[in-house]
Structure formats: structure tokens, C-alpha cells
Amino acid sequence: MIDGQSTKTKESGGPRGYDAGKKVMGRKRHAMVDTDGRALVLHAHPVGVQDRDGAPPLLRA
């Protein structure tokens, strides 16, 4: 299963983006997990990255 979550972050620590739909300034986590919920692959992006654009790197890993 693949999922993405937008999270608020502070200015330091890497690039941030803006999610106008959720009105969040921060980063987005994309995760691929197995059927038991254990993380297989994790990626972090600026929150402006669409879910459809965040999934391919998970599948290539």
C-alpha cells in the first residue's frame, strides 16, 4: 500500500512547500508499507509534490 501525508514543519531542515488544499506549509511523507503496516520505503518531499508524482520513486526503490 502507498500513502502520503502532509505535515507542518519549521523553516530549518530542508525544502518546504505549500499545500493549498490543506493550507499547510511543510513537507509530505510518501510511504510504501506491507500488509502488516511495516514500512518498506519512505520518501520526504516538499508538500507541493502531488501524490501521483510521489508514488513512482517508491515503486523504483
PDB file of N, CA and C in Angstrom:
ATOM      1  N   MET A   1       0.847  -1.152   0.000  1.00  0.00           N
ATOM      2  CA  MET A   1       0.000   0.000   0.000  1.00  0.00           C
ATOM      3  C   MET A   1       0.903   1.229   0.000  1.00  0.00           C
ATOM      4  N   ILE A   2       0.479   2.278  -0.700  1.00  0.00           N
ATOM      5  CA  ILE A   2       1.200   3.546  -0.750  1.00  0.00           C
ATOM      6  C   ILE A   2       0.294   4.634  -0.200  1.00  0.00           C
ATOM      7  N   ASP A   3       0.869   5.516   0.641  1.00  0.00           N
ATOM      8  CA  ASP A   3       0.101   6.602   1.235  1.00  0.00           C
ATOM      9  C   ASP A   3       0.975   7.836   1.323  1.00  0.00           C
ATOM     10  N   GLY A   4       0.345   9.008   1.374  1.00  0.00           N
ATOM     11  CA  GLY A   4       1.062  10.266   1.545  1.00  0.00           C
ATOM     12  C   GLY A   4       0.397  11.108   2.616  1.00  0.00           C
ATOM     13  N   GLN A   5       1.212  11.824   3.403  1.00  0.00           N
ATOM     14  CA  GLN A   5       0.697  12.690   4.465  1.00  0.00           C
ATOM     15  C   GLN A   5       1.418  14.020   4.406  1.00  0.00           C
ATOM     16  N   SER A   6       0.671  15.104   4.534  1.00  0.00           N
ATOM     17  CA  SER A   6       1.253  16.440   4.618  1.00  0.00           C
ATOM     18  C   SER A   6       1.460  16.788   6.085  1.00  0.00           C
ATOM     19  N   THR A   7       2.626  17.358   6.410  1.00  0.00           N
ATOM     20  CA  THR A   7       2.922  17.733   7.788  1.00  0.00           C
ATOM     21  C   THR A   7       3.511  19.129   7.841  1.00  0.00           C
ATOM     22  N   LYS A   8       3.158  19.878   8.872  1.00  0.00           N
ATOM     23  CA  LYS A   8       3.745  21.196   9.087  1.00  0.00           C
ATOM     24  C   LYS A   8       5.171  21.014   9.590  1.00  0.00           C
ATOM     25  N   THR A   9       6.086  21.871   9.103  1.00  0.00           N
ATOM     26  CA  THR A   9       7.469  21.809   9.564  1.00  0.00           C
ATOM     27  C   THR A   9       8.005  23.210   9.805  1.00  0.00           C
ATOM     28  N   LYS A  10       9.114  23.279  10.484  1.00  0.00           N
ATOM     29  CA  LYS A  10       9.803  24.547  10.717  1.00  0.00           C
ATOM     30  C   LYS A  10      10.623  24.895   9.479  1.00  0.00           C
ATOM     31  N   GLU A  11      11.171  26.101   9.433  1.00  0.00           N
ATOM     32  CA  GLU A  11      11.932  26.551   8.273  1.00  0.00           C
ATOM     33  C   GLU A  11      13.226  25.774   8.083  1.00  0.00           C
ATOM     34  N   SER A  12      13.890  25.376   9.155  1.00  0.00           N
ATOM     35  CA  SER A  12      15.168  24.690   9.018  1.00  0.00           C
ATOM     36  C   SER A  12      14.955  23.216   8.695  1.00  0.00           C
ATOM     37  N   GLY A  13      15.964  22.594   8.103  1.00  0.00           N
ATOM     38  CA  GLY A  13      15.904  21.160   7.896  1.00  0.00           C
ATOM     39  C   GLY A  13      15.581  20.710   6.490  1.00  0.00           C
ATOM     40  N   GLY A  14      15.481  21.592   5.527  1.00  0.00           N
ATOM     41  CA  GLY A  14      15.254  21.169   4.157  1.00  0.00           C
ATOM     42  C   GLY A  14      14.143  21.938   3.480  1.00  0.00           C
ATOM     43  N   PRO A  15      13.916  21.614   2.211  1.00  0.00           N
ATOM     44  CA  PRO A  15      12.918  22.350   1.431  1.00  0.00           C
ATOM     45  C   PRO A  15      11.492  22.101   1.910  1.00  0.00           C
ATOM     46  N   ARG A  16      10.684  23.152   1.862  1.00  0.00           N
ATOM     47  CA  ARG A  16       9.267  23.052   2.215  1.00  0.00           C
ATOM     48  C   ARG A  16       8.448  23.516   1.021  1.00  0.00           C
ATOM     49  N   GLY A  17       7.195  23.201   1.029  1.00  0.00           N
ATOM     50  CA  GLY A  17       6.268  23.658   0.005  1.00  0.00           C
ATOM     51  C   GLY A  17       4.955  24.046   0.655  1.00  0.00           C
ATOM     52  N   TYR A  18       3.963  24.403  -0.180  1.00  0.00           N
ATOM     53  CA  TYR A  18       2.658  24.815   0.333  1.00  0.00           C
ATOM     54  C   TYR A  18       1.575  23.967  -0.298  1.00  0.00           C
ATOM     55  N   ASP A  19       0.730  23.377   0.516  1.00  0.00           N
ATOM     56  CA  ASP A  19      -0.427  22.603   0.069  1.00  0.00           C
ATOM     57  C   ASP A  19      -1.648  23.495   0.235  1.00  0.00           C
ATOM     58  N   ALA A  20      -2.137  24.053  -0.879  1.00  0.00           N
ATOM     59  CA  ALA A  20      -3.259  24.991  -0.815  1.00  0.00           C
ATOM     60  C   ALA A  20      -4.544  24.308  -0.353  1.00  0.00           C
ATOM     61  N   GLY A  21      -4.725  23.038  -0.690  1.00  0.00           N
ATOM     62  CA  GLY A  21      -5.934  22.324  -0.283  1.00  0.00           C
ATOM     63  C   GLY A  21      -6.032  22.156   1.223  1.00  0.00           C
ATOM     64  N   LYS A  22      -4.914  21.838   1.861  1.00  0.00           N
ATOM     65  CA  LYS A  22      -4.905  21.636   3.313  1.00  0.00           C
ATOM     66  C   LYS A  22      -4.395  22.860   4.061  1.00  0.00           C
ATOM     67  N   LYS A  23      -3.946  23.875   3.311  1.00  0.00           N
ATOM     68  CA  LYS A  23      -3.387  25.101   3.895  1.00  0.00           C
ATOM     69  C   LYS A  23      -2.252  24.775   4.866  1.00  0.00           C
ATOM     70  N   VAL A  24      -1.309  23.963   4.378  1.00  0.00           N
ATOM     71  CA  VAL A  24      -0.168  23.515   5.175  1.00  0.00           C
ATOM     72  C   VAL A  24       1.120  23.933   4.484  1.00  0.00           C
ATOM     73  N   MET A  25       2.052  24.503   5.251  1.00  0.00           N
ATOM     74  CA  MET A  25       3.386  24.812   4.765  1.00  0.00           C
ATOM     75  C   MET A  25       4.331  23.806   5.406  1.00  0.00           C
ATOM     76  N   GLY A  26       4.963  22.950   4.598  1.00  0.00           N
ATOM     77  CA  GLY A  26       5.836  21.948   5.193  1.00  0.00           C
ATOM     78  C   GLY A  26       6.297  20.909   4.209  1.00  0.00           C
ATOM     79  N   ARG A  27       6.273  19.651   4.643  1.00  0.00           N
ATOM     80  CA  ARG A  27       6.749  18.535   3.830  1.00  0.00           C
ATOM     81  C   ARG A  27       5.671  17.458   3.749  1.00  0.00           C
ATOM     82  N   LYS A  28       5.859  16.571   2.780  1.00  0.00           N
ATOM     83  CA  LYS A  28       4.936  15.449   2.604  1.00  0.00           C
ATOM     84  C   LYS A  28       5.739  14.162   2.682  1.00  0.00           C
ATOM     85  N   ARG A  29       5.192  13.200   3.427  1.00  0.00           N
ATOM     86  CA  ARG A  29       5.801  11.876   3.513  1.00  0.00           C
ATOM     87  C   ARG A  29       5.034  10.946   2.592  1.00  0.00           C
ATOM     88  N   HIS A  30       5.769  10.206   1.777  1.00  0.00           N
ATOM     89  CA  HIS A  30       5.174   9.129   0.997  1.00  0.00           C
ATOM     90  C   HIS A  30       5.762   7.831   1.529  1.00  0.00           C
ATOM     91  N   ALA A  31       4.914   6.863   1.790  1.00  0.00           N
ATOM     92  CA  ALA A  31       5.366   5.603   2.374  1.00  0.00           C
ATOM     93  C   ALA A  31       4.748   4.425   1.643  1.00  0.00           C
ATOM     94  N   MET A  32       5.554   3.378   1.448  1.00  0.00           N
ATOM     95  CA  MET A  32       5.049   2.113   0.939  1.00  0.00           C
ATOM     96  C   MET A  32       5.211   1.114   2.077  1.00  0.00           C
ATOM     97  N   VAL A  33       4.107   0.451   2.444  1.00  0.00           N
ATOM     98  CA  VAL A  33       4.115  -0.490   3.566  1.00  0.00           C
ATOM     99  C   VAL A  33       3.626  -1.859   3.111  1.00  0.00           C
ATOM    100  N   ASP A  34       3.989  -2.895   3.883  1.00  0.00           N
ATOM    101  CA  ASP A  34       3.488  -4.234   3.576  1.00  0.00           C
ATOM    102  C   ASP A  34       2.106  -4.416   4.202  1.00  0.00           C
ATOM    103  N   THR A  35       1.543  -5.599   4.081  1.00  0.00           N
ATOM    104  CA  THR A  35       0.176  -5.832   4.562  1.00  0.00           C
ATOM    105  C   THR A  35       0.058  -5.773   6.082  1.00  0.00           C
ATOM    106  N   ASP A  36       1.178  -5.872   6.795  1.00  0.00           N
ATOM    107  CA  ASP A  36       1.172  -5.750   8.259  1.00  0.00           C
ATOM    108  C   ASP A  36       1.432  -4.319   8.711  1.00  0.00           C
ATOM    109  N   GLY A  37       1.625  -3.394   7.768  1.00  0.00           N
ATOM    110  CA  GLY A  37       1.856  -1.998   8.109  1.00  0.00           C
ATOM    111  C   GLY A  37       3.306  -1.628   8.346  1.00  0.00           C
ATOM    112  N   ARG A  38       4.231  -2.547   8.081  1.00  0.00           N
ATOM    113  CA  ARG A  38       5.657  -2.247   8.254  1.00  0.00           C
ATOM    114  C   ARG A  38       6.163  -1.453   7.058  1.00  0.00           C
ATOM    115  N   ALA A  39       6.920  -0.396   7.342  1.00  0.00           N
ATOM    116  CA  ALA A  39       7.432   0.473   6.283  1.00  0.00           C
ATOM    117  C   ALA A  39       8.460  -0.263   5.431  1.00  0.00           C
ATOM    118  N   LEU A  40       8.270  -0.206   4.112  1.00  0.00           N
ATOM    119  CA  LEU A  40       9.225  -0.778   3.168  1.00  0.00           C
ATOM    120  C   LEU A  40      10.095   0.318   2.566  1.00  0.00           C
ATOM    121  N   VAL A  41       9.472   1.429   2.171  1.00  0.00           N
ATOM    122  CA  VAL A  41      10.185   2.559   1.565  1.00  0.00           C
ATOM    123  C   VAL A  41       9.539   3.843   2.061  1.00  0.00           C
ATOM    124  N   LEU A  42      10.360   4.835   2.433  1.00  0.00           N
ATOM    125  CA  LEU A  42       9.877   6.146   2.867  1.00  0.00           C
ATOM    126  C   LEU A  42      10.592   7.229   2.073  1.00  0.00           C
ATOM    127  N   HIS A  43       9.854   8.238   1.634  1.00  0.00           N
ATOM    128  CA  HIS A  43      10.426   9.398   0.951  1.00  0.00           C
ATOM    129  C   HIS A  43       9.785  10.649   1.534  1.00  0.00           C
ATOM    130  N   ALA A  44      10.560  11.732   1.617  1.00  0.00           N
ATOM    131  CA  ALA A  44      10.032  13.027   2.054  1.00  0.00           C
ATOM    132  C   ALA A  44      10.241  14.036   0.934  1.00  0.00           C
ATOM    133  N   HIS A  45       9.217  14.857   0.672  1.00  0.00           N
ATOM    134  CA  HIS A  45       9.236  15.851  -0.395  1.00  0.00           C
ATOM    135  C   HIS A  45       8.656  17.148   0.143  1.00  0.00           C
ATOM    136  N   PRO A  46       8.895  18.278  -0.566  1.00  0.00           N
ATOM    137  CA  PRO A  46       8.124  19.481  -0.242  1.00  0.00           C
ATOM    138  C   PRO A  46       6.640  19.158  -0.410  1.00  0.00           C
ATOM    139  N   VAL A  47       5.798  19.745   0.407  1.00  0.00           N
ATOM    140  CA  VAL A  47       4.379  19.387   0.438  1.00  0.00           C
ATOM    141  C   VAL A  47       3.665  19.663  -0.889  1.00  0.00           C
ATOM    142  N   GLY A  48       4.224  20.479  -1.755  1.00  0.00           N
ATOM    143  CA  GLY A  48       3.601  20.778  -3.035  1.00  0.00           C
ATOM    144  C   GLY A  48       3.651  19.638  -4.043  1.00  0.00           C
ATOM    145  N   VAL A  49       4.413  18.575  -3.765  1.00  0.00           N
ATOM    146  CA  VAL A  49       4.514  17.430  -4.671  1.00  0.00           C
ATOM    147  C   VAL A  49       3.198  16.658  -4.638  1.00  0.00           C
ATOM    148  N   GLN A  50       2.611  16.436  -5.810  1.00  0.00           N
ATOM    149  CA  GLN A  50       1.350  15.696  -5.898  1.00  0.00           C
ATOM    150  C   GLN A  50       1.570  14.224  -5.557  1.00  0.00           C
ATOM    151  N   ASP A  51       0.544  13.563  -5.040  1.00  0.00           N
ATOM    152  CA  ASP A  51       0.650  12.140  -4.707  1.00  0.00           C
ATOM    153  C   ASP A  51       1.012  11.312  -5.934  1.00  0.00           C
ATOM    154  N   ARG A  52       0.469  11.658  -7.082  1.00  0.00           N
ATOM    155  CA  ARG A  52       0.772  10.893  -8.301  1.00  0.00           C
ATOM    156  C   ARG A  52       2.241  11.020  -8.686  1.00  0.00           C
ATOM    157  N   ASP A  53       2.907  12.117  -8.280  1.00  0.00           N
ATOM    158  CA  ASP A  53       4.326  12.303  -8.571  1.00  0.00           C
ATOM    159  C   ASP A  53       5.208  11.713  -7.474  1.00  0.00           C
ATOM    160  N   GLY A  54       4.670  11.488  -6.301  1.00  0.00           N
ATOM    161  CA  GLY A  54       5.436  10.918  -5.198  1.00  0.00           C
ATOM    162  C   GLY A  54       5.489   9.403  -5.225  1.00  0.00           C
ATOM    163  N   ALA A  55       4.550   8.753  -5.898  1.00  0.00           N
ATOM    164  CA  ALA A  55       4.496   7.291  -5.913  1.00  0.00           C
ATOM    165  C   ALA A  55       5.581   6.635  -6.771  1.00  0.00           C
ATOM    166  N   PRO A  56       5.891   7.127  -7.979  1.00  0.00           N
ATOM    167  CA  PRO A  56       6.888   6.438  -8.810  1.00  0.00           C
ATOM    168  C   PRO A  56       8.248   6.214  -8.142  1.00  0.00           C
ATOM    169  N   PRO A  57       8.816   7.189  -7.386  1.00  0.00           N
ATOM    170  CA  PRO A  57      10.093   6.896  -6.726  1.00  0.00           C
ATOM    171  C   PRO A  57       9.993   5.740  -5.720  1.00  0.00           C
ATOM    172  N   LEU A  58       8.834   5.577  -5.084  1.00  0.00           N
ATOM    173  CA  LEU A  58       8.653   4.459  -4.154  1.00  0.00           C
ATOM    174  C   LEU A  58       8.676   3.136  -4.901  1.00  0.00           C
ATOM    175  N   LEU A  59       8.062   3.106  -6.060  1.00  0.00           N
ATOM    176  CA  LEU A  59       7.989   1.870  -6.838  1.00  0.00           C
ATOM    177  C   LEU A  59       9.340   1.501  -7.442  1.00  0.00           C
ATOM    178  N   ARG A  60      10.184   2.506  -7.728  1.00  0.00           N
ATOM    179  CA  ARG A  60      11.512   2.238  -8.297  1.00  0.00           C
ATOM    180  C   ARG A  60      12.508   1.780  -7.239  1.00  0.00           C
ATOM    181  N   ALA A  61      12.233   2.083  -5.975  1.00  0.00           N
ATOM    182  CA  ALA A  61      13.201   1.756  -4.899  1.00  0.00           C
ATOM    183  C   ALA A  61      13.199   0.276  -4.578  1.00  0.00           C
TER     184      ALA A  61
END
